[in-house]
Amino acid sequence: MTNQEILANGPEGWTHVAIVEDVAHYCRLSSGVMQDKFVGVKGMWTQFQGFEDVSRFRSREDIERIVYLENVLKREAA
């Protein structure tokens, strides 16, 4: 899953994402703690149960910045 796909497919309000077995698990941060996870099958937010490996999480801000920089590089290469 590309960074652009992550941004395009995220539900409203997501702040972090973890890619597990090529499936995006969107989460949102509240008061500095992961509170909710978006369950795509049901199309709704549910209480966050957590992952053992928190290193899998990436912030939305970081992904947006990467996409922006990738677009800048593509324009310069053209």
N, C-alpha and C. Protein backbone atom coordinates (compact mmCIF):
# COMPACT_ATOMS: atom_id res chain seq x y z
N MET A 1 0.85 -1.16 0.00
CA MET A 1 0.00 0.00 0.00
C MET A 1 0.90 1.24 0.00
N THR A 2 0.64 2.14 -0.94
CA THR A 2 1.46 3.34 -1.05
C THR A 2 1.00 4.41 -0.07
N ASN A 3 1.86 5.39 0.13
CA ASN A 3 1.49 6.51 1.00
C ASN A 3 0.26 7.24 0.48
N GLN A 4 0.17 7.41 -0.84
CA GLN A 4 -1.00 8.06 -1.44
C GLN A 4 -2.27 7.26 -1.17
N GLU A 5 -2.18 5.95 -1.26
CA GLU A 5 -3.35 5.10 -0.99
C GLU A 5 -3.76 5.19 0.48
N ILE A 6 -2.79 5.25 1.37
CA ILE A 6 -3.09 5.38 2.79
C ILE A 6 -3.88 6.67 3.04
N LEU A 7 -3.42 7.78 2.46
CA LEU A 7 -4.12 9.05 2.64
C LEU A 7 -5.51 9.04 2.01
N ALA A 8 -5.60 8.48 0.81
CA ALA A 8 -6.87 8.49 0.08
C ALA A 8 -7.93 7.61 0.74
N ASN A 9 -7.52 6.55 1.41
CA ASN A 9 -8.49 5.58 1.95
C ASN A 9 -8.78 5.74 3.43
N GLY A 10 -8.11 6.68 4.08
CA GLY A 10 -8.30 6.84 5.52
C GLY A 10 -9.64 7.45 5.87
N PRO A 11 -10.24 6.99 6.97
CA PRO A 11 -11.51 7.56 7.41
C PRO A 11 -11.28 8.93 8.04
N GLU A 12 -12.31 9.72 8.12
CA GLU A 12 -12.21 11.05 8.70
C GLU A 12 -11.75 10.96 10.16
N GLY A 13 -10.79 11.78 10.51
CA GLY A 13 -10.33 11.87 11.89
C GLY A 13 -9.15 10.99 12.26
N TRP A 14 -8.61 10.22 11.33
CA TRP A 14 -7.50 9.34 11.69
C TRP A 14 -6.23 10.15 11.92
N THR A 15 -5.41 9.67 12.85
CA THR A 15 -4.14 10.35 13.16
C THR A 15 -2.94 9.44 12.96
N HIS A 16 -3.14 8.13 13.01
CA HIS A 16 -2.05 7.17 12.87
C HIS A 16 -2.55 5.96 12.10
N VAL A 17 -1.60 5.24 11.53
CA VAL A 17 -1.95 4.02 10.79
C VAL A 17 -0.87 2.98 11.03
N ALA A 18 -1.30 1.74 11.08
CA ALA A 18 -0.38 0.61 11.14
C ALA A 18 -0.75 -0.31 9.98
N ILE A 19 0.25 -0.72 9.22
CA ILE A 19 0.03 -1.65 8.12
C ILE A 19 0.39 -3.04 8.63
N VAL A 20 -0.60 -3.91 8.68
CA VAL A 20 -0.41 -5.28 9.15
C VAL A 20 -0.88 -6.21 8.04
N GLU A 21 0.05 -7.01 7.52
CA GLU A 21 -0.25 -7.95 6.43
C GLU A 21 -0.96 -7.23 5.28
N ASP A 22 -0.42 -6.08 4.90
CA ASP A 22 -0.90 -5.25 3.80
C ASP A 22 -2.32 -4.72 4.00
N VAL A 23 -2.77 -4.64 5.24
CA VAL A 23 -4.07 -4.06 5.58
C VAL A 23 -3.82 -2.87 6.49
N ALA A 24 -4.42 -1.72 6.16
CA ALA A 24 -4.25 -0.52 6.96
C ALA A 24 -5.20 -0.53 8.14
N HIS A 25 -4.64 -0.33 9.32
CA HIS A 25 -5.42 -0.20 10.55
C HIS A 25 -5.31 1.26 10.98
N TYR A 26 -6.36 2.03 10.69
CA TYR A 26 -6.36 3.45 11.02
C TYR A 26 -6.78 3.65 12.47
N CYS A 27 -6.07 4.55 13.15
CA CYS A 27 -6.35 4.82 14.55
C CYS A 27 -6.42 6.33 14.75
N ARG A 28 -7.01 6.73 15.87
CA ARG A 28 -6.99 8.14 16.19
C ARG A 28 -6.52 8.34 17.62
N LEU A 29 -5.80 9.41 17.78
CA LEU A 29 -5.20 9.76 19.05
C LEU A 29 -6.12 10.71 19.78
N SER A 30 -6.29 10.52 21.08
CA SER A 30 -7.09 11.41 21.90
C SER A 30 -6.38 11.57 23.24
N SER A 31 -6.08 12.79 23.59
CA SER A 31 -5.37 13.08 24.84
C SER A 31 -4.05 12.33 24.94
N GLY A 32 -3.37 12.18 23.82
CA GLY A 32 -2.06 11.54 23.79
C GLY A 32 -2.08 10.03 23.84
N VAL A 33 -3.27 9.42 23.75
CA VAL A 33 -3.39 7.96 23.84
C VAL A 33 -4.20 7.47 22.65
N MET A 34 -3.79 6.34 22.06
CA MET A 34 -4.58 5.74 21.00
C MET A 34 -5.91 5.30 21.59
N GLN A 35 -7.00 5.83 21.04
CA GLN A 35 -8.31 5.56 21.61
C GLN A 35 -9.17 4.65 20.74
N ASP A 36 -9.17 4.89 19.44
CA ASP A 36 -10.10 4.19 18.57
C ASP A 36 -9.38 3.62 17.36
N LYS A 37 -9.95 2.56 16.81
CA LYS A 37 -9.44 1.94 15.59
C LYS A 37 -10.58 1.86 14.59
N PHE A 38 -10.28 2.14 13.33
CA PHE A 38 -11.31 2.06 12.30
C PHE A 38 -11.36 0.65 11.77
N VAL A 39 -12.53 0.05 11.83
CA VAL A 39 -12.74 -1.29 11.32
C VAL A 39 -13.41 -1.17 9.97
N GLY A 40 -12.63 -1.42 8.91
CA GLY A 40 -13.11 -1.22 7.55
C GLY A 40 -14.29 -2.10 7.16
N VAL A 41 -14.32 -3.32 7.70
CA VAL A 41 -15.39 -4.25 7.34
C VAL A 41 -16.74 -3.69 7.77
N LYS A 42 -16.78 -3.14 8.97
CA LYS A 42 -18.02 -2.56 9.49
C LYS A 42 -18.15 -1.09 9.13
N GLY A 43 -17.05 -0.48 8.69
CA GLY A 43 -17.07 0.93 8.35
C GLY A 43 -17.35 1.83 9.53
N MET A 44 -16.76 1.50 10.68
CA MET A 44 -17.00 2.29 11.88
C MET A 44 -15.80 2.27 12.81
N TRP A 45 -15.76 3.21 13.73
CA TRP A 45 -14.72 3.26 14.74
C TRP A 45 -15.10 2.34 15.90
N THR A 46 -14.09 1.64 16.45
CA THR A 46 -14.30 0.81 17.62
C THR A 46 -13.21 1.12 18.63
N GLN A 47 -13.42 0.71 19.88
CA GLN A 47 -12.40 0.96 20.91
C GLN A 47 -11.11 0.27 20.53
N PHE A 48 -10.00 0.98 20.70
CA PHE A 48 -8.69 0.49 20.32
C PHE A 48 -8.25 -0.61 21.27
N GLN A 49 -7.84 -1.74 20.69
CA GLN A 49 -7.35 -2.87 21.47
C GLN A 49 -5.83 -2.90 21.54
N GLY A 50 -5.18 -2.22 20.60
CA GLY A 50 -3.72 -2.12 20.62
C GLY A 50 -3.02 -3.19 19.83
N PHE A 51 -1.79 -2.90 19.50
CA PHE A 51 -0.89 -3.85 18.85
C PHE A 51 0.30 -4.03 19.77
N GLU A 52 0.88 -5.20 19.74
CA GLU A 52 2.06 -5.43 20.57
C GLU A 52 3.26 -4.63 20.08
N ASP A 53 3.37 -4.47 18.77
CA ASP A 53 4.52 -3.78 18.19
C ASP A 53 4.11 -2.36 17.77
N VAL A 54 4.31 -1.39 18.66
CA VAL A 54 3.91 -0.01 18.37
C VAL A 54 4.79 0.63 17.31
N SER A 55 5.91 0.00 16.96
CA SER A 55 6.78 0.55 15.92
C SER A 55 6.11 0.50 14.55
N ARG A 56 5.02 -0.21 14.42
CA ARG A 56 4.30 -0.28 13.16
C ARG A 56 3.49 0.99 12.87
N PHE A 57 3.24 1.80 13.88
CA PHE A 57 2.43 3.00 13.69
C PHE A 57 3.20 4.11 13.00
N ARG A 58 2.51 4.78 12.09
CA ARG A 58 3.05 5.96 11.41
C ARG A 58 2.03 7.07 11.58
N SER A 59 2.50 8.28 11.75
CA SER A 59 1.57 9.39 11.92
C SER A 59 1.09 9.91 10.57
N ARG A 60 -0.13 10.43 10.57
CA ARG A 60 -0.70 11.02 9.36
C ARG A 60 0.15 12.19 8.88
N GLU A 61 0.61 13.01 9.82
CA GLU A 61 1.44 14.16 9.46
C GLU A 61 2.70 13.73 8.72
N ASP A 62 3.34 12.68 9.18
CA ASP A 62 4.55 12.19 8.51
C ASP A 62 4.23 11.69 7.10
N ILE A 63 3.14 10.96 6.96
CA ILE A 63 2.77 10.44 5.64
C ILE A 63 2.44 11.58 4.69
N GLU A 64 1.71 12.59 5.18
CA GLU A 64 1.39 13.75 4.33
C GLU A 64 2.66 14.46 3.87
N ARG A 65 3.62 14.59 4.75
CA ARG A 65 4.89 15.25 4.41
C ARG A 65 5.66 14.44 3.37
N ILE A 66 5.69 13.13 3.53
CA ILE A 66 6.38 12.27 2.56
C ILE A 66 5.73 12.39 1.18
N VAL A 67 4.40 12.36 1.12
CA VAL A 67 3.69 12.49 -0.15
C VAL A 67 4.01 13.84 -0.80
N TYR A 68 4.03 14.89 0.00
CA TYR A 68 4.36 16.22 -0.52
C TYR A 68 5.78 16.23 -1.12
N LEU A 69 6.74 15.69 -0.39
CA LEU A 69 8.12 15.68 -0.87
C LEU A 69 8.29 14.79 -2.11
N GLU A 70 7.57 13.68 -2.16
CA GLU A 70 7.62 12.83 -3.35
C GLU A 70 7.10 13.60 -4.58
N ASN A 71 6.04 14.37 -4.39
CA ASN A 71 5.50 15.16 -5.50
C ASN A 71 6.47 16.25 -5.94
N VAL A 72 7.16 16.87 -5.01
CA VAL A 72 8.17 17.88 -5.35
C VAL A 72 9.28 17.25 -6.17
N LEU A 73 9.76 16.09 -5.75
CA LEU A 73 10.83 15.40 -6.48
C LEU A 73 10.38 15.00 -7.88
N LYS A 74 9.15 14.55 -8.02
CA LYS A 74 8.64 14.17 -9.34
C LYS A 74 8.61 15.38 -10.28
N ARG A 75 8.19 16.53 -9.77
CA ARG A 75 8.15 17.73 -10.60
C ARG A 75 9.55 18.17 -11.00
N GLU A 76 10.52 18.04 -10.11
CA GLU A 76 11.88 18.43 -10.43
C GLU A 76 12.51 17.49 -11.45
N ALA A 77 12.12 16.22 -11.42
CA ALA A 77 12.68 15.24 -12.35
C ALA A 77 12.09 15.38 -13.75
N ALA A 78 10.90 15.98 -13.83
CA ALA A 78 10.22 16.09 -15.13
C ALA A 78 10.79 17.19 -15.99
